[in-house]
Amino acid sequence: MAVSAHSIPVRLPCKWTLADNFGDETTLIQSHGISNRQVVIVIEKDFTLVEGFLAKILRAPKYLSRPLDKLNSALWELMDGSRSFGEIVEIMEECYNEEIVPARERCSSSINRFIELNLIILST
């Protein structure tokens, strides 16, 4: 699904933390509200009755931790509902230059994946 430049990606309520630092923070990255730290999203597993029974016996974890890479961590922090998709792409291009090229396609792909995982919605 193509994401419109005017769409506003908004994180849905979920648990997430900031972990390790990815390296030197630049003033440019900080000025856009990016921490340059790894985002780890914590997702509660949704077991069926049988899966829940087996999980209890096997002592399976109830939560799944999804650590994001540097670019997706930055994207996650930018999707706070205050910026449009077009603005986010411009910020990502400005901060990460060649690392994010082609920015529009890569950001759109990541956003679509977050939508599939029910972690964000698109507002208009």
C-alpha atoms as a PDB file:
ATOM      1  CA  MET A   1       0.000   0.000   0.000  1.00  0.00           C
ATOM      2  CA  ALA A   2       1.389   3.387  -0.969  1.00  0.00           C
ATOM      3  CA  VAL A   3       1.545   5.872   1.874  1.00  0.00           C
ATOM      4  CA  SER A   4       0.335   9.369   1.003  1.00  0.00           C
ATOM      5  CA  ALA A   5       2.698  12.271   1.692  1.00  0.00           C
ATOM      6  CA  HIS A   6      -0.080  13.923   3.709  1.00  0.00           C
ATOM      7  CA  SER A   7      -0.812  10.871   5.885  1.00  0.00           C
ATOM      8  CA  ILE A   8       0.261  11.138   9.494  1.00  0.00           C
ATOM      9  CA  PRO A   9       1.707   7.929  10.979  1.00  0.00           C
ATOM     10  CA  VAL A  10       0.738   7.571  14.644  1.00  0.00           C
ATOM     11  CA  ARG A  11       2.090   4.960  17.062  1.00  0.00           C
ATOM     12  CA  LEU A  12      -0.586   2.898  18.764  1.00  0.00           C
ATOM     13  CA  PRO A  13      -0.265   2.349  22.509  1.00  0.00           C
ATOM     14  CA  CYS A  14       2.309  -0.363  23.124  1.00  0.00           C
ATOM     15  CA  LYS A  15       5.298  -0.943  25.356  1.00  0.00           C
ATOM     16  CA  TRP A  16       8.633   0.157  23.961  1.00  0.00           C
ATOM     17  CA  THR A  17      11.976   1.162  25.399  1.00  0.00           C
ATOM     18  CA  LEU A  18      15.175   2.822  24.305  1.00  0.00           C
ATOM     19  CA  ALA A  19      18.216   0.552  24.523  1.00  0.00           C
ATOM     20  CA  ASP A  20      21.803   0.887  23.302  1.00  0.00           C
ATOM     21  CA  ASN A  21      23.156   4.007  21.659  1.00  0.00           C
ATOM     22  CA  PHE A  22      23.956   3.685  17.939  1.00  0.00           C
ATOM     23  CA  GLY A  23      26.965   5.989  18.171  1.00  0.00           C
ATOM     24  CA  ASP A  24      27.616   9.688  18.031  1.00  0.00           C
ATOM     25  CA  GLU A  25      24.569  11.904  18.076  1.00  0.00           C
ATOM     26  CA  THR A  26      24.695  14.864  15.784  1.00  0.00           C
ATOM     27  CA  THR A  27      23.026  18.163  16.534  1.00  0.00           C
ATOM     28  CA  LEU A  28      20.936  17.653  13.391  1.00  0.00           C
ATOM     29  CA  ILE A  29      19.554  14.331  14.623  1.00  0.00           C
ATOM     30  CA  GLN A  30      18.866  15.748  18.094  1.00  0.00           C
ATOM     31  CA  SER A  31      17.128  18.812  16.647  1.00  0.00           C
ATOM     32  CA  HIS A  32      14.518  16.517  15.051  1.00  0.00           C
ATOM     33  CA  GLY A  33      13.866  14.636  18.309  1.00  0.00           C
ATOM     34  CA  ILE A  34      15.734  11.460  17.390  1.00  0.00           C
ATOM     35  CA  SER A  35      17.629   9.930  20.326  1.00  0.00           C
ATOM     36  CA  ASN A  36      19.969   7.792  18.150  1.00  0.00           C
ATOM     37  CA  ARG A  37      19.249   4.854  20.468  1.00  0.00           C
ATOM     38  CA  GLN A  38      17.827   1.462  19.592  1.00  0.00           C
ATOM     39  CA  VAL A  39      14.070   1.149  20.024  1.00  0.00           C
ATOM     40  CA  VAL A  40      12.867  -2.183  21.387  1.00  0.00           C
ATOM     41  CA  ILE A  41       9.137  -2.828  20.975  1.00  0.00           C
ATOM     42  CA  VAL A  42       7.622  -5.264  23.463  1.00  0.00           C
ATOM     43  CA  ILE A  43       4.635  -7.181  22.091  1.00  0.00           C
ATOM     44  CA  GLU A  44       2.365  -9.329  24.240  1.00  0.00           C
ATOM     45  CA  LYS A  45       1.793 -12.714  22.643  1.00  0.00           C
ATOM     46  CA  ASP A  46      -1.826 -13.594  21.880  1.00  0.00           C
ATOM     47  CA  PHE A  47      -2.181 -17.337  22.451  1.00  0.00           C
ATOM     48  CA  THR A  48      -5.155 -19.491  21.512  1.00  0.00           C
ATOM     49  CA  LEU A  49      -6.510 -21.755  24.244  1.00  0.00           C
ATOM     50  CA  VAL A  50      -4.333 -24.714  23.204  1.00  0.00           C
ATOM     51  CA  GLU A  51      -1.266 -22.515  22.635  1.00  0.00           C
ATOM     52  CA  GLY A  52      -1.775 -20.912  26.042  1.00  0.00           C
ATOM     53  CA  PHE A  53      -1.913 -24.327  27.685  1.00  0.00           C
ATOM     54  CA  LEU A  54       1.285 -25.444  25.923  1.00  0.00           C
ATOM     55  CA  ALA A  55       3.007 -22.141  26.655  1.00  0.00           C
ATOM     56  CA  LYS A  56       2.228 -22.536  30.340  1.00  0.00           C
ATOM     57  CA  ILE A  57       3.634 -26.083  30.412  1.00  0.00           C
ATOM     58  CA  LEU A  58       6.741 -25.111  28.419  1.00  0.00           C
ATOM     59  CA  ARG A  59       7.132 -21.816  30.311  1.00  0.00           C
ATOM     60  CA  ALA A  60       7.199 -19.844  27.093  1.00  0.00           C
ATOM     61  CA  PRO A  61       7.657 -16.086  27.436  1.00  0.00           C
ATOM     62  CA  LYS A  62       4.474 -14.014  27.330  1.00  0.00           C
ATOM     63  CA  TYR A  63       6.176 -11.145  25.561  1.00  0.00           C
ATOM     64  CA  LEU A  64       8.156 -10.780  22.344  1.00  0.00           C
ATOM     65  CA  SER A  65      10.902  -8.146  22.135  1.00  0.00           C
ATOM     66  CA  ARG A  66      11.428  -6.642  18.682  1.00  0.00           C
ATOM     67  CA  PRO A  67      14.670  -4.632  18.524  1.00  0.00           C
ATOM     68  CA  LEU A  68      14.728  -2.199  15.600  1.00  0.00           C
ATOM     69  CA  ASP A  69      17.737  -1.185  13.534  1.00  0.00           C
ATOM     70  CA  LYS A  70      19.047   2.393  13.491  1.00  0.00           C
ATOM     71  CA  LEU A  71      16.834   3.680  10.677  1.00  0.00           C
ATOM     72  CA  ASN A  72      13.633   2.025  11.904  1.00  0.00           C
ATOM     73  CA  SER A  73      14.362   3.254  15.439  1.00  0.00           C
ATOM     74  CA  ALA A  74      14.599   6.812  14.134  1.00  0.00           C
ATOM     75  CA  LEU A  75      11.440   6.320  12.070  1.00  0.00           C
ATOM     76  CA  TRP A  76       9.609   4.980  15.146  1.00  0.00           C
ATOM     77  CA  GLU A  77      10.572   8.047  17.172  1.00  0.00           C
ATOM     78  CA  LEU A  78       9.404  10.370  14.387  1.00  0.00           C
ATOM     79  CA  MET A  79       5.976   8.705  14.117  1.00  0.00           C
ATOM     80  CA  ASP A  80       4.509  10.501  17.133  1.00  0.00           C
ATOM     81  CA  GLY A  81       1.537  11.966  15.271  1.00  0.00           C
ATOM     82  CA  SER A  82       3.020  15.446  14.877  1.00  0.00           C
ATOM     83  CA  ARG A  83       4.555  14.980  11.400  1.00  0.00           C
ATOM     84  CA  SER A  84       3.206  13.930   8.029  1.00  0.00           C
ATOM     85  CA  PHE A  85       4.777  11.101   6.064  1.00  0.00           C
ATOM     86  CA  GLY A  86       6.308  13.668   3.683  1.00  0.00           C
ATOM     87  CA  GLU A  87       7.926  15.544   6.584  1.00  0.00           C
ATOM     88  CA  ILE A  88       9.275  12.296   8.044  1.00  0.00           C
ATOM     89  CA  VAL A  89      10.844  11.332   4.696  1.00  0.00           C
ATOM     90  CA  GLU A  90      12.519  14.764   4.452  1.00  0.00           C
ATOM     91  CA  ILE A  91      13.916  14.439   7.997  1.00  0.00           C
ATOM     92  CA  MET A  92      15.189  10.907   7.321  1.00  0.00           C
ATOM     93  CA  GLU A  93      16.877  12.046   4.074  1.00  0.00           C
ATOM     94  CA  GLU A  94      18.418  15.046   5.839  1.00  0.00           C
ATOM     95  CA  CYS A  95      19.731  13.009   8.787  1.00  0.00           C
ATOM     96  CA  TYR A  96      20.784   9.766   7.095  1.00  0.00           C
ATOM     97  CA  ASN A  97      21.661  10.762   3.506  1.00  0.00           C
ATOM     98  CA  GLU A  98      22.792   7.719   1.479  1.00  0.00           C
ATOM     99  CA  GLU A  99      21.917   5.233   4.246  1.00  0.00           C
ATOM    100  CA  ILE A 100      18.186   5.746   3.635  1.00  0.00           C
ATOM    101  CA  VAL A 101      18.115   6.130  -0.174  1.00  0.00           C
ATOM    102  CA  PRO A 102      15.490   5.679  -1.622  1.00  0.00           C
ATOM    103  CA  ALA A 103      13.914   7.223   1.481  1.00  0.00           C
ATOM    104  CA  ARG A 104      10.281   7.387   0.362  1.00  0.00           C
ATOM    105  CA  GLU A 105      10.179   3.693  -0.592  1.00  0.00           C
ATOM    106  CA  ARG A 106      12.087   2.477   2.465  1.00  0.00           C
ATOM    107  CA  CYS A 107      10.013   4.537   4.913  1.00  0.00           C
ATOM    108  CA  SER A 108       6.788   3.474   3.189  1.00  0.00           C
ATOM    109  CA  SER A 109       7.800  -0.183   3.378  1.00  0.00           C
ATOM    110  CA  SER A 110       8.648   0.089   7.083  1.00  0.00           C
ATOM    111  CA  ILE A 111       5.401   1.916   7.841  1.00  0.00           C
ATOM    112  CA  ASN A 112       3.404  -0.757   6.023  1.00  0.00           C
ATOM    113  CA  ARG A 113       5.123  -3.420   8.122  1.00  0.00           C
ATOM    114  CA  PHE A 114       4.310  -1.508  11.335  1.00  0.00           C
ATOM    115  CA  ILE A 115       0.672  -1.322  10.154  1.00  0.00           C
ATOM    116  CA  GLU A 116       0.616  -5.103   9.558  1.00  0.00           C
ATOM    117  CA  LEU A 117       1.890  -5.615  13.104  1.00  0.00           C
ATOM    118  CA  ASN A 118      -0.845  -3.256  14.452  1.00  0.00           C
ATOM    119  CA  LEU A 119       1.769  -0.920  15.902  1.00  0.00           C
ATOM    120  CA  ILE A 120       0.762   2.235  14.025  1.00  0.00           C
ATOM    121  CA  ILE A 121      -2.162   3.728  12.134  1.00  0.00           C
ATOM    122  CA  LEU A 122      -2.283   6.355   9.403  1.00  0.00           C
ATOM    123  CA  SER A 123      -4.275   9.465  10.148  1.00  0.00           C
ATOM    124  CA  THR A 124      -5.298  12.030   7.544  1.00  0.00           C
END
